[in-house]
Amino acid sequence: MLIIHLLAAFTLGGFILSDRLILRRTFDQTALKPLYQKAIMPTAIAAIVLIASGAALIQNAPIYYLKAALGLSTIALFFLCPLFSRGFGKKARFVYRLITVVLLSATIALGASIYNFS
């Protein structure tokens, strides 16, 4: 189950990081629309697998609940990005994307620390 969780995390997290750090800075948003439309289903499947496998791996310890909360927040922020981006200016979108990347990084760091201490 851990391997499945890590593969789903790598898929979704890799897309989030490449989207936030590379794609949005390199390409025009209109050029990226077809990519985003094609990526909805694979990223949604990766998110569902990630959540389900994470639920199977969770143990009754506060650090696991913290990691789950960070991970679910990151996934929600990623999928809510199109709705958020429509209503706010460029500066607010930057802050939103920064928060998403920081939460993703915190989730990865916490997951690595859990794995190293297990």
PDB file of N, CA and C in Angstrom:
ATOM      1  N   MET A   1       0.822  -1.191   0.000  1.00  0.00           N
ATOM      2  CA  MET A   1       0.000   0.000   0.000  1.00  0.00           C
ATOM      3  C   MET A   1       0.870   1.260   0.000  1.00  0.00           C
ATOM      4  N   LEU A   2       2.006   1.178   0.661  1.00  0.00           N
ATOM      5  CA  LEU A   2       2.907   2.331   0.704  1.00  0.00           C
ATOM      6  C   LEU A   2       3.417   2.687  -0.689  1.00  0.00           C
ATOM      7  N   ILE A   3       3.734   1.668  -1.496  1.00  0.00           N
ATOM      8  CA  ILE A   3       4.215   1.921  -2.854  1.00  0.00           C
ATOM      9  C   ILE A   3       3.133   2.617  -3.688  1.00  0.00           C
ATOM     10  N   ILE A   4       1.900   2.161  -3.567  1.00  0.00           N
ATOM     11  CA  ILE A   4       0.796   2.786  -4.292  1.00  0.00           C
ATOM     12  C   ILE A   4       0.639   4.241  -3.850  1.00  0.00           C
ATOM     13  N   HIS A   5       0.721   4.471  -2.544  1.00  0.00           N
ATOM     14  CA  HIS A   5       0.605   5.823  -1.998  1.00  0.00           C
ATOM     15  C   HIS A   5       1.724   6.720  -2.535  1.00  0.00           C
ATOM     16  N   LEU A   6       2.921   6.203  -2.556  1.00  0.00           N
ATOM     17  CA  LEU A   6       4.055   6.992  -3.036  1.00  0.00           C
ATOM     18  C   LEU A   6       3.961   7.280  -4.535  1.00  0.00           C
ATOM     19  N   LEU A   7       3.507   6.305  -5.317  1.00  0.00           N
ATOM     20  CA  LEU A   7       3.338   6.530  -6.756  1.00  0.00           C
ATOM     21  C   LEU A   7       2.265   7.593  -7.039  1.00  0.00           C
ATOM     22  N   ALA A   8       1.161   7.520  -6.313  1.00  0.00           N
ATOM     23  CA  ALA A   8       0.109   8.522  -6.489  1.00  0.00           C
ATOM     24  C   ALA A   8       0.598   9.890  -6.026  1.00  0.00           C
ATOM     25  N   ALA A   9       1.336   9.922  -4.931  1.00  0.00           N
ATOM     26  CA  ALA A   9       1.881  11.193  -4.438  1.00  0.00           C
ATOM     27  C   ALA A   9       2.888  11.768  -5.427  1.00  0.00           C
ATOM     28  N   PHE A  10       3.698  10.917  -5.998  1.00  0.00           N
ATOM     29  CA  PHE A  10       4.671  11.375  -6.991  1.00  0.00           C
ATOM     30  C   PHE A  10       3.973  11.924  -8.225  1.00  0.00           C
ATOM     31  N   THR A  11       2.923  11.250  -8.669  1.00  0.00           N
ATOM     32  CA  THR A  11       2.177  11.695  -9.849  1.00  0.00           C
ATOM     33  C   THR A  11       1.511  13.047  -9.601  1.00  0.00           C
ATOM     34  N   LEU A  12       0.728  13.133  -8.523  1.00  0.00           N
ATOM     35  CA  LEU A  12       0.009  14.373  -8.246  1.00  0.00           C
ATOM     36  C   LEU A  12       0.956  15.484  -7.804  1.00  0.00           C
ATOM     37  N   GLY A  13       1.857  15.169  -6.901  1.00  0.00           N
ATOM     38  CA  GLY A  13       2.812  16.173  -6.428  1.00  0.00           C
ATOM     39  C   GLY A  13       3.739  16.658  -7.528  1.00  0.00           C
ATOM     40  N   GLY A  14       4.160  15.751  -8.385  1.00  0.00           N
ATOM     41  CA  GLY A  14       5.012  16.141  -9.513  1.00  0.00           C
ATOM     42  C   GLY A  14       4.294  17.069 -10.471  1.00  0.00           C
ATOM     43  N   PHE A  15       3.006  16.788 -10.710  1.00  0.00           N
ATOM     44  CA  PHE A  15       2.246  17.676 -11.590  1.00  0.00           C
ATOM     45  C   PHE A  15       2.048  19.041 -10.940  1.00  0.00           C
ATOM     46  N   ILE A  16       1.731  19.059  -9.643  1.00  0.00           N
ATOM     47  CA  ILE A  16       1.535  20.333  -8.954  1.00  0.00           C
ATOM     48  C   ILE A  16       2.814  21.163  -8.988  1.00  0.00           C
ATOM     49  N   LEU A  17       3.937  20.531  -8.662  1.00  0.00           N
ATOM     50  CA  LEU A  17       5.200  21.282  -8.650  1.00  0.00           C
ATOM     51  C   LEU A  17       5.595  21.748 -10.047  1.00  0.00           C
ATOM     52  N   SER A  18       5.479  20.870 -11.030  1.00  0.00           N
ATOM     53  CA  SER A  18       5.852  21.301 -12.386  1.00  0.00           C
ATOM     54  C   SER A  18       4.894  22.380 -12.897  1.00  0.00           C
ATOM     55  N   ASP A  19       3.627  22.287 -12.529  1.00  0.00           N
ATOM     56  CA  ASP A  19       2.661  23.313 -12.928  1.00  0.00           C
ATOM     57  C   ASP A  19       2.986  24.644 -12.265  1.00  0.00           C
ATOM     58  N   ARG A  20       3.200  24.632 -10.977  1.00  0.00           N
ATOM     59  CA  ARG A  20       3.408  25.877 -10.231  1.00  0.00           C
ATOM     60  C   ARG A  20       4.779  26.504 -10.489  1.00  0.00           C
ATOM     61  N   LEU A  21       5.792  25.671 -10.644  1.00  0.00           N
ATOM     62  CA  LEU A  21       7.150  26.211 -10.731  1.00  0.00           C
ATOM     63  C   LEU A  21       7.661  26.384 -12.161  1.00  0.00           C
ATOM     64  N   ILE A  22       7.118  25.606 -13.119  1.00  0.00           N
ATOM     65  CA  ILE A  22       7.659  25.650 -14.480  1.00  0.00           C
ATOM     66  C   ILE A  22       6.610  26.083 -15.498  1.00  0.00           C
ATOM     67  N   LEU A  23       5.524  25.331 -15.615  1.00  0.00           N
ATOM     68  CA  LEU A  23       4.556  25.561 -16.686  1.00  0.00           C
ATOM     69  C   LEU A  23       3.965  26.968 -16.670  1.00  0.00           C
ATOM     70  N   ARG A  24       3.535  27.422 -15.512  1.00  0.00           N
ATOM     71  CA  ARG A  24       2.877  28.732 -15.431  1.00  0.00           C
ATOM     72  C   ARG A  24       3.847  29.888 -15.662  1.00  0.00           C
ATOM     73  N   ARG A  25       5.115  29.641 -15.477  1.00  0.00           N
ATOM     74  CA  ARG A  25       6.111  30.697 -15.695  1.00  0.00           C
ATOM     75  C   ARG A  25       6.637  30.700 -17.125  1.00  0.00           C
ATOM     76  N   THR A  26       6.559  29.552 -17.793  1.00  0.00           N
ATOM     77  CA  THR A  26       7.146  29.406 -19.115  1.00  0.00           C
ATOM     78  C   THR A  26       6.153  29.645 -20.243  1.00  0.00           C
ATOM     79  N   PHE A  27       4.919  29.175 -20.060  1.00  0.00           N
ATOM     80  CA  PHE A  27       3.928  29.216 -21.139  1.00  0.00           C
ATOM     81  C   PHE A  27       2.786  30.170 -20.808  1.00  0.00           C
ATOM     82  N   ASP A  28       2.138  30.636 -21.866  1.00  0.00           N
ATOM     83  CA  ASP A  28       0.952  31.468 -21.722  1.00  0.00           C
ATOM     84  C   ASP A  28      -0.207  30.591 -21.243  1.00  0.00           C
ATOM     85  N   GLN A  29      -1.084  31.160 -20.429  1.00  0.00           N
ATOM     86  CA  GLN A  29      -2.204  30.399 -19.873  1.00  0.00           C
ATOM     87  C   GLN A  29      -3.121  29.829 -20.955  1.00  0.00           C
ATOM     88  N   THR A  30      -3.331  30.559 -22.028  1.00  0.00           N
ATOM     89  CA  THR A  30      -4.216  30.049 -23.088  1.00  0.00           C
ATOM     90  C   THR A  30      -3.601  28.847 -23.790  1.00  0.00           C
ATOM     91  N   ALA A  31      -2.283  28.808 -23.878  1.00  0.00           N
ATOM     92  CA  ALA A  31      -1.605  27.665 -24.495  1.00  0.00           C
ATOM     93  C   ALA A  31      -1.681  26.433 -23.598  1.00  0.00           C
ATOM     94  N   LEU A  32      -1.843  26.635 -22.293  1.00  0.00           N
ATOM     95  CA  LEU A  32      -1.882  25.517 -21.350  1.00  0.00           C
ATOM     96  C   LEU A  32      -3.278  24.927 -21.162  1.00  0.00           C
ATOM     97  N   LYS A  33      -4.313  25.613 -21.635  1.00  0.00           N
ATOM     98  CA  LYS A  33      -5.679  25.120 -21.430  1.00  0.00           C
ATOM     99  C   LYS A  33      -5.895  23.692 -21.912  1.00  0.00           C
ATOM    100  N   PRO A  34      -5.447  23.311 -23.120  1.00  0.00           N
ATOM    101  CA  PRO A  34      -5.636  21.910 -23.547  1.00  0.00           C
ATOM    102  C   PRO A  34      -4.932  20.913 -22.618  1.00  0.00           C
ATOM    103  N   LEU A  35      -3.761  21.272 -22.138  1.00  0.00           N
ATOM    104  CA  LEU A  35      -3.044  20.389 -21.204  1.00  0.00           C
ATOM    105  C   LEU A  35      -3.835  20.200 -19.918  1.00  0.00           C
ATOM    106  N   TYR A  36      -4.346  21.284 -19.370  1.00  0.00           N
ATOM    107  CA  TYR A  36      -5.112  21.203 -18.129  1.00  0.00           C
ATOM    108  C   TYR A  36      -6.393  20.406 -18.310  1.00  0.00           C
ATOM    109  N   GLN A  37      -7.039  20.552 -19.462  1.00  0.00           N
ATOM    110  CA  GLN A  37      -8.262  19.790 -19.709  1.00  0.00           C
ATOM    111  C   GLN A  37      -7.969  18.292 -19.806  1.00  0.00           C
ATOM    112  N   LYS A  38      -6.838  17.936 -20.413  1.00  0.00           N
ATOM    113  CA  LYS A  38      -6.459  16.525 -20.516  1.00  0.00           C
ATOM    114  C   LYS A  38      -5.946  15.975 -19.192  1.00  0.00           C
ATOM    115  N   ALA A  39      -5.448  16.834 -18.318  1.00  0.00           N
ATOM    116  CA  ALA A  39      -4.855  16.391 -17.061  1.00  0.00           C
ATOM    117  C   ALA A  39      -5.864  16.257 -15.927  1.00  0.00           C
ATOM    118  N   ILE A  40      -7.096  16.692 -16.134  1.00  0.00           N
ATOM    119  CA  ILE A  40      -8.080  16.648 -15.052  1.00  0.00           C
ATOM    120  C   ILE A  40      -8.319  15.219 -14.570  1.00  0.00           C
ATOM    121  N   MET A  41      -8.605  14.297 -15.466  1.00  0.00           N
ATOM    122  CA  MET A  41      -8.906  12.919 -15.064  1.00  0.00           C
ATOM    123  C   MET A  41      -7.699  12.211 -14.441  1.00  0.00           C
ATOM    124  N   PRO A  42      -6.513  12.248 -15.058  1.00  0.00           N
ATOM    125  CA  PRO A  42      -5.375  11.573 -14.416  1.00  0.00           C
ATOM    126  C   PRO A  42      -5.034  12.138 -13.035  1.00  0.00           C
ATOM    127  N   THR A  43      -5.124  13.461 -12.887  1.00  0.00           N
ATOM    128  CA  THR A  43      -4.817  14.025 -11.574  1.00  0.00           C
ATOM    129  C   THR A  43      -5.923  13.714 -10.570  1.00  0.00           C
ATOM    130  N   ALA A  44      -7.160  13.671 -11.012  1.00  0.00           N
ATOM    131  CA  ALA A  44      -8.259  13.304 -10.112  1.00  0.00           C
ATOM    132  C   ALA A  44      -8.123  11.850  -9.666  1.00  0.00           C
ATOM    133  N   ILE A  45      -7.757  10.968 -10.588  1.00  0.00           N
ATOM    134  CA  ILE A  45      -7.538   9.557 -10.231  1.00  0.00           C
ATOM    135  C   ILE A  45      -6.375   9.437  -9.256  1.00  0.00           C
ATOM    136  N   ALA A  46      -5.289  10.155  -9.526  1.00  0.00           N
ATOM    137  CA  ALA A  46      -4.140  10.130  -8.613  1.00  0.00           C
ATOM    138  C   ALA A  46      -4.543  10.653  -7.237  1.00  0.00           C
ATOM    139  N   ALA A  47      -5.375  11.686  -7.188  1.00  0.00           N
ATOM    140  CA  ALA A  47      -5.827  12.236  -5.907  1.00  0.00           C
ATOM    141  C   ALA A  47      -6.684  11.228  -5.146  1.00  0.00           C
ATOM    142  N   ILE A  48      -7.579  10.556  -5.848  1.00  0.00           N
ATOM    143  CA  ILE A  48      -8.440   9.553  -5.201  1.00  0.00           C
ATOM    144  C   ILE A  48      -7.605   8.391  -4.675  1.00  0.00           C
ATOM    145  N   VAL A  49      -6.670   7.912  -5.478  1.00  0.00           N
ATOM    146  CA  VAL A  49      -5.785   6.824  -5.039  1.00  0.00           C
ATOM    147  C   VAL A  49      -4.935   7.281  -3.857  1.00  0.00           C
ATOM    148  N   LEU A  50      -4.437   8.490  -3.920  1.00  0.00           N
ATOM    149  CA  LEU A  50      -3.618   9.033  -2.841  1.00  0.00           C
ATOM    150  C   LEU A  50      -4.407   9.121  -1.537  1.00  0.00           C
ATOM    151  N   ILE A  51      -5.624   9.616  -1.590  1.00  0.00           N
ATOM    152  CA  ILE A  51      -6.459   9.741  -0.394  1.00  0.00           C
ATOM    153  C   ILE A  51      -6.826   8.363   0.157  1.00  0.00           C
ATOM    154  N   ALA A  52      -7.221   7.441  -0.720  1.00  0.00           N
ATOM    155  CA  ALA A  52      -7.623   6.098  -0.274  1.00  0.00           C
ATOM    156  C   ALA A  52      -6.441   5.330   0.322  1.00  0.00           C
ATOM    157  N   SER A  53      -5.294   5.380  -0.343  1.00  0.00           N
ATOM    158  CA  SER A  53      -4.140   4.657   0.192  1.00  0.00           C
ATOM    159  C   SER A  53      -3.628   5.322   1.463  1.00  0.00           C
ATOM    160  N   GLY A  54      -3.723   6.650   1.544  1.00  0.00           N
ATOM    161  CA  GLY A  54      -3.333   7.347   2.771  1.00  0.00           C
ATOM    162  C   GLY A  54      -4.234   6.979   3.932  1.00  0.00           C
ATOM    163  N   ALA A  55      -5.530   6.839   3.653  1.00  0.00           N
ATOM    164  CA  ALA A  55      -6.466   6.424   4.708  1.00  0.00           C
ATOM    165  C   ALA A  55      -6.146   5.021   5.199  1.00  0.00           C
ATOM    166  N   ALA A  56      -5.702   4.152   4.290  1.00  0.00           N
ATOM    167  CA  ALA A  56      -5.341   2.787   4.685  1.00  0.00           C
ATOM    168  C   ALA A  56      -4.048   2.761   5.500  1.00  0.00           C
ATOM    169  N   LEU A  57      -3.186   3.718   5.276  1.00  0.00           N
ATOM    170  CA  LEU A  57      -1.895   3.752   5.979  1.00  0.00           C
ATOM    171  C   LEU A  57      -1.936   4.512   7.301  1.00  0.00           C
ATOM    172  N   ILE A  58      -2.993   5.281   7.532  1.00  0.00           N
ATOM    173  CA  ILE A  58      -3.032   6.147   8.706  1.00  0.00           C
ATOM    174  C   ILE A  58      -3.057   5.325   9.996  1.00  0.00           C
ATOM    175  N   GLN A  59      -2.357   5.823  10.974  1.00  0.00           N
ATOM    176  CA  GLN A  59      -2.322   5.186  12.285  1.00  0.00           C
ATOM    177  C   GLN A  59      -2.823   6.189  13.311  1.00  0.00           C
ATOM    178  N   ASN A  60      -3.140   5.706  14.484  1.00  0.00           N
ATOM    179  CA  ASN A  60      -3.697   6.572  15.513  1.00  0.00           C
ATOM    180  C   ASN A  60      -2.581   7.333  16.231  1.00  0.00           C
ATOM    181  N   ALA A  61      -2.039   8.320  15.532  1.00  0.00           N
ATOM    182  CA  ALA A  61      -1.000   9.176  16.095  1.00  0.00           C
ATOM    183  C   ALA A  61      -1.202  10.577  15.516  1.00  0.00           C
ATOM    184  N   PRO A  62      -0.980  11.604  16.325  1.00  0.00           N
ATOM    185  CA  PRO A  62      -1.223  12.973  15.847  1.00  0.00           C
ATOM    186  C   PRO A  62      -0.454  13.347  14.591  1.00  0.00           C
ATOM    187  N   ILE A  63       0.746  12.838  14.403  1.00  0.00           N
ATOM    188  CA  ILE A  63       1.548  13.202  13.230  1.00  0.00           C
ATOM    189  C   ILE A  63       0.900  12.696  11.940  1.00  0.00           C
ATOM    190  N   TYR A  64       0.232  11.552  12.010  1.00  0.00           N
ATOM    191  CA  TYR A  64      -0.459  11.030  10.835  1.00  0.00           C
ATOM    192  C   TYR A  64      -1.666  11.902  10.484  1.00  0.00           C
ATOM    193  N   TYR A  65      -2.370  12.382  11.497  1.00  0.00           N
ATOM    194  CA  TYR A  65      -3.516  13.253  11.245  1.00  0.00           C
ATOM    195  C   TYR A  65      -3.058  14.602  10.703  1.00  0.00           C
ATOM    196  N   LEU A  66      -1.930  15.096  11.181  1.00  0.00           N
ATOM    197  CA  LEU A  66      -1.379  16.342  10.661  1.00  0.00           C
ATOM    198  C   LEU A  66      -1.001  16.188   9.191  1.00  0.00           C
ATOM    199  N   LYS A  67      -0.336  15.078   8.867  1.00  0.00           N
ATOM    200  CA  LYS A  67       0.041  14.825   7.472  1.00  0.00           C
ATOM    201  C   LYS A  67      -1.207  14.699   6.596  1.00  0.00           C
ATOM    202  N   ALA A  68      -2.220  14.013   7.088  1.00  0.00           N
ATOM    203  CA  ALA A  68      -3.464  13.874   6.325  1.00  0.00           C
ATOM    204  C   ALA A  68      -4.122  15.233   6.096  1.00  0.00           C
ATOM    205  N   ALA A  69      -4.134  16.068   7.114  1.00  0.00           N
ATOM    206  CA  ALA A  69      -4.744  17.399   6.973  1.00  0.00           C
ATOM    207  C   ALA A  69      -3.966  18.251   5.968  1.00  0.00           C
ATOM    208  N   LEU A  70      -2.638  18.208   6.052  1.00  0.00           N
ATOM    209  CA  LEU A  70      -1.824  18.965   5.098  1.00  0.00           C
ATOM    210  C   LEU A  70      -2.028  18.453   3.673  1.00  0.00           C
ATOM    211  N   GLY A  71      -2.036  17.143   3.521  1.00  0.00           N
ATOM    212  CA  GLY A  71      -2.215  16.543   2.199  1.00  0.00           C
ATOM    213  C   GLY A  71      -3.577  16.848   1.599  1.00  0.00           C
ATOM    214  N   LEU A  72      -4.629  16.710   2.391  1.00  0.00           N
ATOM    215  CA  LEU A  72      -5.971  17.001   1.888  1.00  0.00           C
ATOM    216  C   LEU A  72      -6.117  18.485   1.554  1.00  0.00           C
ATOM    217  N   SER A  73      -5.500  19.341   2.357  1.00  0.00           N
ATOM    218  CA  SER A  73      -5.538  20.785   2.066  1.00  0.00           C
ATOM    219  C   SER A  73      -4.828  21.098   0.750  1.00  0.00           C
ATOM    220  N   THR A  74      -3.692  20.458   0.530  1.00  0.00           N
ATOM    221  CA  THR A  74      -2.944  20.677  -0.711  1.00  0.00           C
ATOM    222  C   THR A  74      -3.749  20.220  -1.924  1.00  0.00           C
ATOM    223  N   ILE A  75      -4.360  19.048  -1.828  1.00  0.00           N
ATOM    224  CA  ILE A  75      -5.168  18.525  -2.930  1.00  0.00           C
ATOM    225  C   ILE A  75      -6.352  19.448  -3.202  1.00  0.00           C
ATOM    226  N   ALA A  76      -7.016  19.891  -2.142  1.00  0.00           N
ATOM    227  CA  ALA A  76      -8.159  20.789  -2.317  1.00  0.00           C
ATOM    228  C   ALA A  76      -7.728  22.109  -2.949  1.00  0.00           C
ATOM    229  N   LEU A  77      -6.627  22.680  -2.488  1.00  0.00           N
ATOM    230  CA  LEU A  77      -6.151  23.937  -3.065  1.00  0.00           C
ATOM    231  C   LEU A  77      -5.810  23.772  -4.536  1.00  0.00           C
ATOM    232  N   PHE A  78      -5.221  22.653  -4.893  1.00  0.00           N
ATOM    233  CA  PHE A  78      -4.857  22.411  -6.288  1.00  0.00           C
ATOM    234  C   PHE A  78      -6.097  22.365  -7.179  1.00  0.00           C
ATOM    235  N   PHE A  79      -7.107  21.635  -6.748  1.00  0.00           N
ATOM    236  CA  PHE A  79      -8.295  21.503  -7.578  1.00  0.00           C
ATOM    237  C   PHE A  79      -9.189  22.743  -7.547  1.00  0.00           C
ATOM    238  N   LEU A  80      -9.051  23.587  -6.540  1.00  0.00           N
ATOM    239  CA  LEU A  80      -9.828  24.824  -6.473  1.00  0.00           C
ATOM    240  C   LEU A  80      -9.141  25.991  -7.174  1.00  0.00           C
ATOM    241  N   CYS A  81      -7.932  25.784  -7.642  1.00  0.00           N
ATOM    242  CA  CYS A  81      -7.151  26.848  -8.272  1.00  0.00           C
ATOM    243  C   CYS A  81      -7.880  27.540  -9.417  1.00  0.00           C
ATOM    244  N   PRO A  82      -8.523  26.831 -10.353  1.00  0.00           N
ATOM    245  CA  PRO A  82      -9.206  27.549 -11.448  1.00  0.00           C
ATOM    246  C   PRO A  82     -10.308  28.481 -10.941  1.00  0.00           C
ATOM    247  N   LEU A  83     -11.026  28.059  -9.915  1.00  0.00           N
ATOM    248  CA  LEU A  83     -12.075  28.908  -9.362  1.00  0.00           C
ATOM    249  C   LEU A  83     -11.477  30.138  -8.682  1.00  0.00           C
ATOM    250  N   PHE A  84     -10.395  29.929  -7.953  1.00  0.00           N
ATOM    251  CA  PHE A  84      -9.752  31.022  -7.236  1.00  0.00           C
ATOM    252  C   PHE A  84      -9.111  32.005  -8.212  1.00  0.00           C
ATOM    253  N   SER A  85      -8.494  31.508  -9.241  1.00  0.00           N
ATOM    254  CA  SER A  85      -7.756  32.360 -10.177  1.00  0.00           C
ATOM    255  C   SER A  85      -8.655  33.325 -10.943  1.00  0.00           C
ATOM    256  N   ARG A  86      -9.888  32.944 -11.165  1.00  0.00           N
ATOM    257  CA  ARG A  86     -10.796  33.813 -11.918  1.00  0.00           C
ATOM    258  C   ARG A  86     -11.132  35.094 -11.172  1.00  0.00           C
ATOM    259  N   GLY A  87     -11.246  35.007  -9.851  1.00  0.00           N
ATOM    260  CA  GLY A  87     -11.772  36.139  -9.103  1.00  0.00           C
ATOM    261  C   GLY A  87     -10.755  37.074  -8.481  1.00  0.00           C
ATOM    262  N   PHE A  88      -9.482  36.760  -8.585  1.00  0.00           N
ATOM    263  CA  PHE A  88      -8.487  37.562  -7.888  1.00  0.00           C
ATOM    264  C   PHE A  88      -7.388  38.040  -8.825  1.00  0.00           C
ATOM    265  N   GLY A  89      -6.653  39.033  -8.375  1.00  0.00           N
ATOM    266  CA  GLY A  89      -5.580  39.609  -9.170  1.00  0.00           C
ATOM    267  C   GLY A  89      -4.325  38.758  -9.180  1.00  0.00           C
ATOM    268  N   LYS A  90      -3.330  39.262  -9.879  1.00  0.00           N
ATOM    269  CA  LYS A  90      -2.084  38.529 -10.077  1.00  0.00           C
ATOM    270  C   LYS A  90      -1.351  38.284  -8.750  1.00  0.00           C
ATOM    271  N   LYS A  91      -1.338  39.273  -7.873  1.00  0.00           N
ATOM    272  CA  LYS A  91      -0.644  39.141  -6.594  1.00  0.00           C
ATOM    273  C   LYS A  91      -1.309  38.082  -5.712  1.00  0.00           C
ATOM    274  N   ALA A  92      -2.635  38.079  -5.684  1.00  0.00           N
ATOM    275  CA  ALA A  92      -3.371  37.094  -4.890  1.00  0.00           C
ATOM    276  C   ALA A  92      -3.160  35.685  -5.441  1.00  0.00           C
ATOM    277  N   ARG A  93      -3.113  35.556  -6.764  1.00  0.00           N
ATOM    278  CA  ARG A  93      -2.857  34.240  -7.363  1.00  0.00           C
ATOM    279  C   ARG A  93      -1.476  33.736  -7.005  1.00  0.00           C
ATOM    280  N   PHE A  94      -0.488  34.645  -6.970  1.00  0.00           N
ATOM    281  CA  PHE A  94       0.863  34.252  -6.577  1.00  0.00           C
ATOM    282  C   PHE A  94       0.882  33.736  -5.139  1.00  0.00           C
ATOM    283  N   VAL A  95       0.207  34.433  -4.246  1.00  0.00           N
ATOM    284  CA  VAL A  95       0.145  34.008  -2.839  1.00  0.00           C
ATOM    285  C   VAL A  95      -0.545  32.650  -2.740  1.00  0.00           C
ATOM    286  N   TYR A  96      -1.620  32.463  -3.488  1.00  0.00           N
ATOM    287  CA  TYR A  96      -2.354  31.199  -3.499  1.00  0.00           C
ATOM    288  C   TYR A  96      -1.447  30.049  -3.951  1.00  0.00           C
ATOM    289  N   ARG A  97      -0.710  30.274  -5.020  1.00  0.00           N
ATOM    290  CA  ARG A  97       0.194  29.235  -5.534  1.00  0.00           C
ATOM    291  C   ARG A  97       1.335  28.979  -4.568  1.00  0.00           C
ATOM    292  N   LEU A  98       1.829  30.022  -3.936  1.00  0.00           N
ATOM    293  CA  LEU A  98       2.889  29.868  -2.943  1.00  0.00           C
ATOM    294  C   LEU A  98       2.406  29.033  -1.763  1.00  0.00           C
ATOM    295  N   ILE A  99       1.208  29.300  -1.288  1.00  0.00           N
ATOM    296  CA  ILE A  99       0.640  28.514  -0.186  1.00  0.00           C
ATOM    297  C   ILE A  99       0.503  27.047  -0.593  1.00  0.00           C
ATOM    298  N   THR A 100       0.061  26.797  -1.823  1.00  0.00           N
ATOM    299  CA  THR A 100      -0.076  25.421  -2.308  1.00  0.00           C
ATOM    300  C   THR A 100       1.272  24.704  -2.319  1.00  0.00           C
ATOM    301  N   VAL A 101       2.303  25.359  -2.820  1.00  0.00           N
ATOM    302  CA  VAL A 101       3.633  24.745  -2.879  1.00  0.00           C
ATOM    303  C   VAL A 101       4.203  24.542  -1.470  1.00  0.00           C
ATOM    304  N   VAL A 102       3.988  25.494  -0.582  1.00  0.00           N
ATOM    305  CA  VAL A 102       4.476  25.357   0.800  1.00  0.00           C
ATOM    306  C   VAL A 102       3.773  24.191   1.503  1.00  0.00           C
ATOM    307  N   LEU A 103       2.451  24.084   1.337  1.00  0.00           N
ATOM    308  CA  LEU A 103       1.730  22.958   1.938  1.00  0.00           C
ATOM    309  C   LEU A 103       2.184  21.625   1.361  1.00  0.00           C
ATOM    310  N   LEU A 104       2.405  21.582   0.053  1.00  0.00           N
ATOM    311  CA  LEU A 104       2.899  20.354  -0.567  1.00  0.00           C
ATOM    312  C   LEU A 104       4.274  19.995  -0.022  1.00  0.00           C
ATOM    313  N   SER A 105       5.149  20.967   0.092  1.00  0.00           N
ATOM    314  CA  SER A 105       6.496  20.724   0.624  1.00  0.00           C
ATOM    315  C   SER A 105       6.441  20.253   2.076  1.00  0.00           C
ATOM    316  N   ALA A 106       5.564  20.857   2.873  1.00  0.00           N
ATOM    317  CA  ALA A 106       5.419  20.443   4.271  1.00  0.00           C
ATOM    318  C   ALA A 106       4.886  19.017   4.368  1.00  0.00           C
ATOM    319  N   THR A 107       3.944  18.675   3.491  1.00  0.00           N
ATOM    320  CA  THR A 107       3.401  17.317   3.480  1.00  0.00           C
ATOM    321  C   THR A 107       4.485  16.301   3.113  1.00  0.00           C
ATOM    322  N   ILE A 108       5.289  16.626   2.119  1.00  0.00           N
ATOM    323  CA  ILE A 108       6.379  15.734   1.704  1.00  0.00           C
ATOM    324  C   ILE A 108       7.394  15.579   2.828  1.00  0.00           C
ATOM    325  N   ALA A 109       7.772  16.675   3.450  1.00  0.00           N
ATOM    326  CA  ALA A 109       8.755  16.615   4.548  1.00  0.00           C
ATOM    327  C   ALA A 109       8.227  15.819   5.719  1.00  0.00           C
ATOM    328  N   LEU A 110       6.954  16.014   6.061  1.00  0.00           N
ATOM    329  CA  LEU A 110       6.365  15.276   7.167  1.00  0.00           C
ATOM    330  C   LEU A 110       6.256  13.793   6.830  1.00  0.00           C
ATOM    331  N   GLY A 111       5.871  13.493   5.585  1.00  0.00           N
ATOM    332  CA  GLY A 111       5.800  12.092   5.166  1.00  0.00           C
ATOM    333  C   GLY A 111       7.158  11.413   5.198  1.00  0.00           C
ATOM    334  N   ALA A 112       8.195  12.139   4.789  1.00  0.00           N
ATOM    335  CA  ALA A 112       9.552  11.582   4.835  1.00  0.00           C
ATOM    336  C   ALA A 112       9.998  11.355   6.269  1.00  0.00           C
ATOM    337  N   SER A 113       9.659  12.262   7.172  1.00  0.00           N
ATOM    338  CA  SER A 113      10.050  12.062   8.570  1.00  0.00           C
ATOM    339  C   SER A 113       9.307  10.894   9.198  1.00  0.00           C
ATOM    340  N   ILE A 114       8.043  10.709   8.832  1.00  0.00           N
ATOM    341  CA  ILE A 114       7.291   9.555   9.337  1.00  0.00           C
ATOM    342  C   ILE A 114       7.913   8.264   8.836  1.00  0.00           C
ATOM    343  N   TYR A 115       8.260   8.238   7.557  1.00  0.00           N
ATOM    344  CA  TYR A 115       8.868   7.042   6.973  1.00  0.00           C
ATOM    345  C   TYR A 115      10.228   6.744   7.612  1.00  0.00           C
ATOM    346  N   ASN A 116      11.025   7.755   7.861  1.00  0.00           N
ATOM    347  CA  ASN A 116      12.363   7.553   8.437  1.00  0.00           C
ATOM    348  C   ASN A 116      12.319   7.084   9.885  1.00  0.00           C
ATOM    349  N   PHE A 117      11.282   7.477  10.633  1.00  0.00           N
ATOM    350  CA  PHE A 117      11.189   7.091  12.033  1.00  0.00           C
ATOM    351  C   PHE A 117      10.382   5.839  12.249  1.00  0.00           C
ATOM    352  N   SER A 118       9.784   5.281  11.179  1.00  0.00           N
ATOM    353  CA  SER A 118       8.975   4.061  11.319  1.00  0.00           C
ATOM    354  C   SER A 118       9.839   2.840  11.380  1.00  0.00           C
TER     355      SER A 118
END
